[in-house]
Amino acid sequence: MSLLPGDDSQALKSEVYADRHQCSFWNSVSYDWLTTNPDRLAAQAGVPTS
């Protein structure tokens, strides 16, 4: 769904959405380096953990 002001909102085909948002590019990026481990994030930010 493309939400636009007024009455311009419309449903989009998945191919149109993927093209507009460059999904194939973002899906090709490796995020292995990105952690969600809070202790590791704190250490990278220099925040002491208990």
C-alpha atoms as a PDB file:
ATOM      1  CA  MET A   1       0.000   0.000   0.000  1.00  0.00           C
ATOM      2  CA  SER A   2       1.316   3.424  -0.891  1.00  0.00           C
ATOM      3  CA  LEU A   3      -0.031   5.932   1.624  1.00  0.00           C
ATOM      4  CA  LEU A   4      -0.295   9.395   0.179  1.00  0.00           C
ATOM      5  CA  PRO A   5      -2.099  12.531   1.374  1.00  0.00           C
ATOM      6  CA  GLY A   6      -5.688  13.050   0.334  1.00  0.00           C
ATOM      7  CA  ASP A   7      -7.339  10.394  -1.781  1.00  0.00           C
ATOM      8  CA  ASP A   8      -4.133   9.437  -3.620  1.00  0.00           C
ATOM      9  CA  SER A   9      -3.355   6.259  -1.606  1.00  0.00           C
ATOM     10  CA  GLN A  10      -3.224   3.120  -3.699  1.00  0.00           C
ATOM     11  CA  ALA A  11      -2.247  -0.525  -3.637  1.00  0.00           C
ATOM     12  CA  LEU A  12       1.039  -1.236  -5.393  1.00  0.00           C
ATOM     13  CA  LYS A  13       2.089  -4.386  -7.193  1.00  0.00           C
ATOM     14  CA  SER A  14       5.004  -6.038  -5.404  1.00  0.00           C
ATOM     15  CA  GLU A  15       7.249  -5.509  -8.457  1.00  0.00           C
ATOM     16  CA  VAL A  16       6.607  -1.753  -8.382  1.00  0.00           C
ATOM     17  CA  TYR A  17       7.282  -1.603  -4.640  1.00  0.00           C
ATOM     18  CA  ALA A  18      10.530  -3.577  -4.997  1.00  0.00           C
ATOM     19  CA  ASP A  19      11.695  -1.346  -7.830  1.00  0.00           C
ATOM     20  CA  ARG A  20      10.920   1.894  -5.984  1.00  0.00           C
ATOM     21  CA  HIS A  21      12.645   0.781  -2.815  1.00  0.00           C
ATOM     22  CA  GLN A  22      15.557  -0.971  -4.550  1.00  0.00           C
ATOM     23  CA  CYS A  23      14.879  -4.167  -2.622  1.00  0.00           C
ATOM     24  CA  SER A  24      17.229  -6.271  -4.753  1.00  0.00           C
ATOM     25  CA  PHE A  25      20.140  -4.007  -3.785  1.00  0.00           C
ATOM     26  CA  TRP A  26      19.330  -3.996  -0.065  1.00  0.00           C
ATOM     27  CA  ASN A  27      18.758  -7.768  -0.090  1.00  0.00           C
ATOM     28  CA  SER A  28      22.236  -8.237  -1.574  1.00  0.00           C
ATOM     29  CA  VAL A  29      23.979  -6.373   1.285  1.00  0.00           C
ATOM     30  CA  SER A  30      25.510  -8.601   3.946  1.00  0.00           C
ATOM     31  CA  TYR A  31      24.632  -7.545   7.476  1.00  0.00           C
ATOM     32  CA  ASP A  32      26.682 -10.233   9.249  1.00  0.00           C
ATOM     33  CA  TRP A  33      28.755  -7.506  10.928  1.00  0.00           C
ATOM     34  CA  LEU A  34      25.656  -5.921  12.461  1.00  0.00           C
ATOM     35  CA  THR A  35      24.900  -7.161  15.947  1.00  0.00           C
ATOM     36  CA  THR A  36      21.826  -6.842  18.088  1.00  0.00           C
ATOM     37  CA  ASN A  37      23.618  -8.216  21.156  1.00  0.00           C
ATOM     38  CA  PRO A  38      23.207  -5.450  23.771  1.00  0.00           C
ATOM     39  CA  ASP A  39      26.507  -6.229  25.551  1.00  0.00           C
ATOM     40  CA  ARG A  40      28.462  -6.080  22.292  1.00  0.00           C
ATOM     41  CA  LEU A  41      26.727  -2.848  21.277  1.00  0.00           C
ATOM     42  CA  ALA A  42      27.552  -1.308  24.650  1.00  0.00           C
ATOM     43  CA  ALA A  43      31.191  -2.367  24.332  1.00  0.00           C
ATOM     44  CA  GLN A  44      31.406  -0.863  20.830  1.00  0.00           C
ATOM     45  CA  ALA A  45      29.951   2.391  22.185  1.00  0.00           C
ATOM     46  CA  GLY A  46      32.323   2.411  25.157  1.00  0.00           C
ATOM     47  CA  VAL A  47      29.546   2.018  27.690  1.00  0.00           C
ATOM     48  CA  PRO A  48      30.516  -0.028  30.751  1.00  0.00           C
ATOM     49  CA  THR A  49      28.382  -3.084  31.401  1.00  0.00           C
ATOM     50  CA  SER A  50      27.683  -4.648  34.746  1.00  0.00           C
END
